[in-house]
Amino acid sequence: MSISAIVPVWNGRPLLERLLDTLEAQTLPAAEWLVVDNGSTDGAPEAARARGARVLSMGHNAGFAEAVNRGISESRGDWVAVLNSDVELAPDYFARLTAAAESRSAWFATGKILVAGSTDQIDGTFDALSRGGTAWRVGSGRQDRPAFSVERQIWSPPFTAVLLRSELFGRIGQLEAAFESYLEDVEFGLRCASSGLAGLYVPGALAWHQGSAALGRWHPETTRRMARNQIFLVARHYPRRLFWRWLWPIAIAQLLWGGLAFRHGAVFPWLRGIAQGLRRSSAVRAARPPVDPGILEGLLRSNEQLIRDLQTATGFDSYWKLYFLLTGGGTK
């Protein structure tokens, strides 16, 4: 069994060097490091090359998805680890994920990702998608609690720090390049669910994430892509009969998200993203068949129940409180 570690990078040399330190310290080391450079200007690729990484140059900022796909295409391992360049891994991260995935025949595995410098604040665990086309990175921003220490079967792993069987990409394809960055992992998870290829959340495997290190959480470009890609998710994967049945939760989810953008001074990028998503929705929909309606309905209703249960147990975010109040989602 061999692991290929793929790290897309766009500047942030000090963060990349810390990640490489933790890759070097793995008790189960990766057989190769592939650093995919999206046009860095701060010496990040040179630093990676000096540490023994194979550097693949994209020549420009092609986005996270295309960079990962380039790494996948050139990787040689039985497993592929996709890592954000602003992540640090516990020394046994790969060992714990591979042991759990192998013992349960899982297609992928991810661990508990904490906020950088913290011992008990969650950055993310796995993703849960609502009928409205917005996702919750489960536990994000919360204090670590027993609810986030339960090993679970999952369908949607964050590509922050995930380990996947190389064979999986032959089954369902690589990341969707049209998404560029943000929610490309949620789209990938929908394809995993559609094909019945499940993964694992392994809370004993720990990583730490800086988060939005390249642009920032409400940077105009981040907001534009998030808004556009939420529309892309619905356009690509919602069969028409479910789209019309769920039109109300879709409208509520997107408008509430627009309200968050307004509160953070990013309403115009949000509007641009919505317009771009609607303009390109037909082309995005034509690229792949939608998910089977029965699979999608079961998945998203169980996702909403999980979101509601965990929000109830750990304290409601105002976004999800309003979403459930207005849509009735997640009710037993």
Protein backbone atom coordinates (compact mmCIF):
# COMPACT_ATOMS: atom_id res chain seq x y z
CA MET A 1 0.00 0.00 0.00
CA SER A 2 1.39 3.41 -1.00
CA ILE A 3 0.16 6.98 -0.54
CA SER A 4 0.53 9.93 -2.90
CA ALA A 5 0.15 13.27 -1.10
CA ILE A 6 -1.26 16.02 -3.34
CA VAL A 7 -0.96 19.64 -2.17
CA PRO A 8 -2.31 22.48 -4.34
CA VAL A 9 -0.54 25.72 -3.48
CA TRP A 10 -0.94 29.38 -4.35
CA ASN A 11 1.62 31.33 -2.31
CA GLY A 12 1.70 30.89 1.48
CA ARG A 13 5.22 29.49 1.63
CA PRO A 14 5.49 29.43 5.48
CA LEU A 15 2.23 27.49 5.75
CA LEU A 16 3.33 25.02 3.09
CA GLU A 17 6.63 24.46 4.87
CA ARG A 18 4.78 23.63 8.12
CA LEU A 19 2.63 21.10 6.25
CA LEU A 20 5.73 19.50 4.74
CA ASP A 21 7.21 19.23 8.24
CA THR A 22 4.15 17.24 9.34
CA LEU A 23 4.26 15.07 6.21
CA GLU A 24 7.87 14.28 7.01
CA ALA A 25 6.87 13.24 10.54
CA GLN A 26 4.14 10.75 9.51
CA THR A 27 4.47 7.30 11.07
CA LEU A 28 3.07 5.98 7.78
CA PRO A 29 4.84 8.25 5.28
CA ALA A 30 3.58 9.11 1.83
CA ALA A 31 5.60 7.52 -0.97
CA GLU A 32 5.51 10.77 -2.97
CA TRP A 33 4.65 14.43 -2.47
CA LEU A 34 3.10 16.23 -5.42
CA VAL A 35 2.90 19.99 -4.93
CA VAL A 36 0.73 21.51 -7.64
CA ASP A 37 1.61 25.18 -8.08
CA ASN A 38 -1.15 27.56 -9.12
CA GLY A 39 1.21 30.39 -10.07
CA SER A 40 2.87 31.21 -6.73
CA THR A 41 5.20 34.20 -6.57
CA ASP A 42 6.59 33.86 -3.03
CA GLY A 43 8.95 30.92 -3.52
CA ALA A 44 6.52 28.23 -2.31
CA PRO A 45 7.23 25.80 -5.20
CA GLU A 46 10.98 26.25 -4.85
CA ALA A 47 10.76 25.50 -1.13
CA ALA A 48 8.74 22.35 -1.87
CA ARG A 49 11.20 21.17 -4.49
CA ALA A 50 14.07 21.65 -2.06
CA ARG A 51 12.27 19.34 0.40
CA GLY A 52 11.96 16.53 -2.17
CA ALA A 53 8.50 17.21 -3.54
CA ARG A 54 7.67 16.80 -7.20
CA VAL A 55 6.36 20.21 -8.28
CA LEU A 56 3.72 20.35 -11.02
CA SER A 57 3.23 23.82 -12.48
CA MET A 58 -0.20 24.94 -13.66
CA GLY A 59 1.26 28.20 -15.00
CA HIS A 60 -1.59 30.29 -13.56
CA ASN A 61 -4.18 30.14 -10.79
CA ALA A 62 -6.36 27.39 -12.26
CA GLY A 63 -8.27 26.85 -9.02
CA PHE A 64 -8.24 24.09 -6.44
CA ALA A 65 -10.18 21.50 -8.44
CA GLU A 66 -8.00 21.58 -11.56
CA ALA A 67 -4.83 21.52 -9.47
CA VAL A 68 -6.05 18.46 -7.55
CA ASN A 69 -7.04 16.75 -10.80
CA ARG A 70 -3.56 17.34 -12.21
CA GLY A 71 -2.07 15.75 -9.12
CA ILE A 72 -4.43 12.78 -9.30
CA SER A 73 -3.55 12.21 -12.96
CA GLU A 74 0.17 12.12 -12.17
CA SER A 75 0.00 10.21 -8.88
CA ARG A 76 1.20 6.63 -8.54
CA GLY A 77 -0.09 5.59 -5.10
CA ASP A 78 -2.82 3.13 -4.16
CA TRP A 79 -4.20 5.92 -1.99
CA VAL A 80 -4.33 9.65 -2.68
CA ALA A 81 -4.16 12.18 0.15
CA VAL A 82 -5.48 15.61 -0.84
CA LEU A 83 -4.28 18.31 1.54
CA ASN A 84 -4.78 22.05 1.76
CA SER A 85 -1.43 23.81 2.00
CA ASP A 86 -2.49 25.48 5.29
CA VAL A 87 -3.04 22.18 7.14
CA GLU A 88 -0.88 20.50 9.77
CA LEU A 89 -1.28 16.77 10.44
CA ALA A 90 -0.82 14.76 13.62
CA PRO A 91 2.02 12.24 13.11
CA ASP A 92 -0.41 9.30 12.98
CA TYR A 93 -2.95 10.94 10.64
CA PHE A 94 -2.30 8.68 7.65
CA ALA A 95 -1.85 5.60 9.82
CA ARG A 96 -5.20 6.05 11.56
CA LEU A 97 -7.11 6.79 8.35
CA THR A 98 -5.70 3.88 6.39
CA ALA A 99 -6.24 1.43 9.25
CA ALA A 100 -9.88 2.47 9.65
CA ALA A 101 -10.60 2.56 5.92
CA GLU A 102 -8.96 -0.80 5.25
CA SER A 103 -10.74 -2.52 8.15
CA ARG A 104 -14.17 -1.26 7.02
CA SER A 105 -13.62 -1.35 3.23
CA ALA A 106 -14.28 2.39 3.04
CA TRP A 107 -13.54 4.31 -0.15
CA PHE A 108 -12.17 7.34 1.65
CA ALA A 109 -11.54 8.63 5.15
CA THR A 110 -11.07 11.97 6.84
CA GLY A 111 -10.34 12.99 10.40
CA LYS A 112 -11.31 15.64 12.94
CA ILE A 113 -9.94 18.96 11.73
CA LEU A 114 -9.36 21.56 14.43
CA VAL A 115 -8.72 25.29 14.12
CA ALA A 116 -4.98 25.98 13.86
CA GLY A 117 -3.44 26.49 17.30
CA SER A 118 -6.47 25.08 19.12
CA THR A 119 -6.93 21.87 21.07
CA ASP A 120 -10.73 21.91 21.18
CA GLN A 121 -12.24 24.17 18.49
CA ILE A 122 -13.62 22.40 15.44
CA ASP A 123 -12.76 23.65 11.96
CA GLY A 124 -14.64 20.81 10.26
CA THR A 125 -15.42 17.10 10.23
CA PHE A 126 -17.53 16.16 7.20
CA ASP A 127 -20.14 17.91 5.05
CA ALA A 128 -23.94 17.71 5.23
CA LEU A 129 -25.98 19.22 2.38
CA SER A 130 -29.48 20.67 2.79
CA ARG A 131 -32.34 20.53 0.31
CA GLY A 132 -31.71 24.23 -0.23
CA GLY A 133 -28.29 23.58 -1.77
CA THR A 134 -26.27 24.99 1.14
CA ALA A 135 -23.96 22.81 3.20
CA TRP A 136 -22.80 22.73 6.80
CA ARG A 137 -19.25 21.65 7.51
CA VAL A 138 -20.38 19.74 10.56
CA GLY A 139 -19.12 21.24 13.81
CA SER A 140 -17.44 24.25 12.20
CA GLY A 141 -16.74 26.95 14.77
CA ARG A 142 -17.89 24.86 17.74
CA GLN A 143 -16.06 23.58 20.79
CA ASP A 144 -15.17 19.92 20.49
CA ARG A 145 -17.81 17.72 22.12
CA PRO A 146 -18.61 14.00 22.34
CA ALA A 147 -21.02 14.41 19.40
CA PHE A 148 -18.02 15.11 17.16
CA SER A 149 -16.04 12.13 18.44
CA VAL A 150 -18.30 9.44 16.97
CA GLU A 151 -16.93 7.47 14.03
CA ARG A 152 -19.47 7.65 11.20
CA GLN A 153 -20.09 6.46 7.69
CA ILE A 154 -20.09 9.57 5.50
CA TRP A 155 -20.61 10.48 1.85
CA SER A 156 -19.05 13.92 1.63
CA PRO A 157 -15.48 14.41 2.89
CA PRO A 158 -13.93 17.88 3.03
CA PHE A 159 -10.93 17.96 0.70
CA THR A 160 -9.06 19.85 3.43
CA ALA A 161 -7.25 16.68 4.52
CA VAL A 162 -8.75 13.53 3.01
CA LEU A 163 -7.41 10.12 2.03
CA LEU A 164 -9.06 8.35 -0.93
CA ARG A 165 -8.55 5.11 -2.79
CA SER A 166 -7.07 5.88 -6.21
CA GLU A 167 -9.63 3.49 -7.72
CA LEU A 168 -12.43 5.82 -6.64
CA PHE A 169 -11.57 8.35 -9.34
CA GLY A 170 -11.89 5.66 -11.99
CA ARG A 171 -15.37 4.89 -10.65
CA ILE A 172 -16.87 8.38 -10.44
CA GLY A 173 -14.36 10.75 -12.04
CA GLN A 174 -12.20 13.53 -10.66
CA LEU A 175 -13.25 16.86 -9.15
CA GLU A 176 -15.54 19.05 -11.23
CA ALA A 177 -13.28 21.72 -12.75
CA ALA A 178 -16.18 24.13 -13.35
CA PHE A 179 -16.40 24.66 -9.57
CA GLU A 180 -12.78 25.94 -9.46
CA SER A 181 -12.69 26.25 -5.65
CA TYR A 182 -15.35 25.80 -2.93
CA LEU A 183 -18.03 23.09 -2.78
CA GLU A 184 -16.18 20.94 -5.31
CA ASP A 185 -15.85 18.40 -2.49
CA VAL A 186 -19.60 18.49 -1.78
CA GLU A 187 -20.30 17.89 -5.47
CA PHE A 188 -17.85 14.97 -5.40
CA GLY A 189 -19.66 13.61 -2.33
CA LEU A 190 -22.98 13.61 -4.16
CA ARG A 191 -21.45 11.43 -6.85
CA CYS A 192 -20.07 9.09 -4.17
CA ALA A 193 -23.55 8.80 -2.64
CA SER A 194 -25.16 8.26 -6.04
CA SER A 195 -22.79 5.31 -6.64
CA GLY A 196 -23.06 3.91 -3.11
CA LEU A 197 -19.35 4.48 -2.40
CA ALA A 198 -19.18 5.46 1.26
CA GLY A 199 -16.33 6.74 3.39
CA LEU A 200 -15.50 7.18 7.06
CA TYR A 201 -15.15 10.01 9.50
CA VAL A 202 -12.36 8.96 11.90
CA PRO A 203 -12.34 11.40 14.84
CA GLY A 204 -9.15 9.96 16.34
CA ALA A 205 -7.17 11.23 13.34
CA LEU A 206 -6.39 14.90 14.01
CA ALA A 207 -5.35 17.79 11.77
CA TRP A 208 -5.24 21.56 12.23
CA HIS A 209 -6.38 24.05 9.58
CA GLN A 210 -5.61 27.73 9.20
CA GLY A 211 -8.74 28.26 7.10
CA SER A 212 -9.30 30.67 4.18
CA ALA A 213 -5.60 31.46 4.22
CA ALA A 214 -5.42 32.35 0.53
CA LEU A 215 -8.25 34.90 0.25
CA GLY A 216 -10.34 35.07 3.43
CA ARG A 217 -13.79 33.75 4.33
CA TRP A 218 -15.81 36.69 2.96
CA HIS A 219 -13.38 37.90 0.33
CA PRO A 220 -15.35 39.01 -2.79
CA GLU A 221 -13.90 36.17 -4.86
CA THR A 222 -14.69 33.57 -2.18
CA THR A 223 -18.26 34.86 -1.88
CA ARG A 224 -18.79 34.93 -5.65
CA ARG A 225 -17.60 31.35 -6.12
CA MET A 226 -19.59 30.04 -3.16
CA ALA A 227 -22.80 31.67 -4.42
CA ARG A 228 -22.23 30.43 -7.97
CA ASN A 229 -21.34 26.91 -6.91
CA GLN A 230 -24.41 26.55 -4.71
CA ILE A 231 -26.47 27.20 -7.85
CA PHE A 232 -24.28 24.72 -9.75
CA LEU A 233 -24.96 22.00 -7.16
CA VAL A 234 -28.71 22.36 -7.56
CA ALA A 235 -28.55 22.65 -11.35
CA ARG A 236 -26.34 19.59 -11.77
CA HIS A 237 -27.75 17.14 -9.27
CA TYR A 238 -31.40 17.95 -8.52
CA PRO A 239 -33.85 16.11 -10.81
CA ARG A 240 -36.53 18.46 -12.08
CA ARG A 241 -39.36 17.01 -9.99
CA LEU A 242 -37.34 17.44 -6.80
CA PHE A 243 -36.24 20.91 -7.84
CA TRP A 244 -39.85 22.06 -8.12
CA ARG A 245 -40.86 20.26 -4.93
CA TRP A 246 -37.97 21.89 -3.06
CA LEU A 247 -38.19 25.31 -4.67
CA TRP A 248 -39.19 26.92 -1.36
CA PRO A 249 -36.25 25.54 0.69
CA ILE A 250 -33.90 26.37 -2.21
CA ALA A 251 -35.13 29.98 -2.29
CA ILE A 252 -34.97 30.31 1.51
CA ALA A 253 -31.48 28.80 1.73
CA GLN A 254 -30.06 31.04 -0.97
CA LEU A 255 -31.70 34.22 0.34
CA LEU A 256 -30.52 33.54 3.89
CA TRP A 257 -27.01 33.00 2.56
CA GLY A 258 -27.32 36.29 0.69
CA GLY A 259 -28.28 37.90 4.00
CA LEU A 260 -25.02 36.66 5.51
CA ALA A 261 -23.12 38.09 2.54
CA PHE A 262 -24.87 41.44 3.03
CA ARG A 263 -23.97 41.44 6.74
CA HIS A 264 -20.31 40.88 5.83
CA GLY A 265 -20.25 43.59 3.15
CA ALA A 266 -20.19 41.09 0.26
CA VAL A 267 -23.67 41.46 -1.24
CA PHE A 268 -22.46 42.50 -4.71
CA PRO A 269 -20.10 39.51 -5.10
CA TRP A 270 -23.02 37.31 -3.95
CA LEU A 271 -25.27 38.80 -6.62
CA ARG A 272 -22.56 38.30 -9.27
CA GLY A 273 -22.17 34.69 -8.20
CA ILE A 274 -25.92 34.04 -8.36
CA ALA A 275 -26.09 35.62 -11.82
CA GLN A 276 -23.15 33.54 -13.08
CA GLY A 277 -24.64 30.37 -11.62
CA LEU A 278 -28.01 30.95 -13.28
CA ARG A 279 -26.41 31.91 -16.59
CA ARG A 280 -24.34 28.73 -16.74
CA SER A 281 -26.79 26.36 -15.08
CA SER A 282 -27.96 24.72 -18.32
CA ALA A 283 -24.41 23.89 -19.41
CA VAL A 284 -23.54 22.59 -15.94
CA ARG A 285 -26.68 20.44 -15.87
CA ALA A 286 -25.91 18.94 -19.28
CA ALA A 287 -22.43 17.81 -18.19
CA ARG A 288 -23.69 14.94 -15.99
CA PRO A 289 -27.00 13.21 -15.33
CA PRO A 290 -28.67 14.25 -12.05
CA VAL A 291 -28.58 12.01 -8.98
CA ASP A 292 -31.32 9.37 -8.76
CA PRO A 293 -34.32 11.12 -7.11
CA GLY A 294 -34.80 8.41 -4.47
CA ILE A 295 -31.13 8.47 -3.46
CA LEU A 296 -30.98 12.26 -3.36
CA GLU A 297 -34.17 12.67 -1.34
CA GLY A 298 -33.11 10.08 1.21
CA LEU A 299 -29.62 11.57 1.50
CA LEU A 300 -30.66 15.20 1.91
CA ARG A 301 -33.46 14.46 4.34
CA SER A 302 -31.09 12.42 6.51
CA ASN A 303 -28.52 15.24 6.19
CA GLU A 304 -31.07 17.79 7.37
CA GLN A 305 -32.02 15.58 10.31
CA LEU A 306 -28.35 15.28 11.25
CA ILE A 307 -27.82 19.04 10.96
CA ARG A 308 -30.88 19.73 13.08
CA ASP A 309 -29.95 17.16 15.73
CA LEU A 310 -26.38 18.41 16.08
CA GLN A 311 -27.42 22.06 16.01
CA THR A 312 -29.97 21.33 18.74
CA ALA A 313 -27.34 19.55 20.84
CA THR A 314 -24.57 22.13 20.42
CA GLY A 315 -26.43 25.43 19.89
CA PHE A 316 -28.12 26.77 16.78
CA ASP A 317 -26.41 29.04 14.27
CA SER A 318 -28.85 31.78 13.29
CA TYR A 319 -28.69 30.64 9.64
CA TRP A 320 -29.86 27.09 10.38
CA LYS A 321 -32.37 28.20 12.99
CA LEU A 322 -34.09 30.39 10.40
CA TYR A 323 -33.76 27.77 7.66
CA PHE A 324 -35.49 25.09 9.71
CA LEU A 325 -38.10 27.53 11.02
CA LEU A 326 -39.06 28.59 7.50
CA THR A 327 -38.80 25.22 5.73
CA GLY A 328 -39.69 22.64 8.36
CA GLY A 329 -36.62 20.62 7.40
CA GLY A 330 -35.10 17.99 9.65
CA THR A 331 -38.36 17.07 11.39
CA LYS A 332 -38.82 13.44 12.34
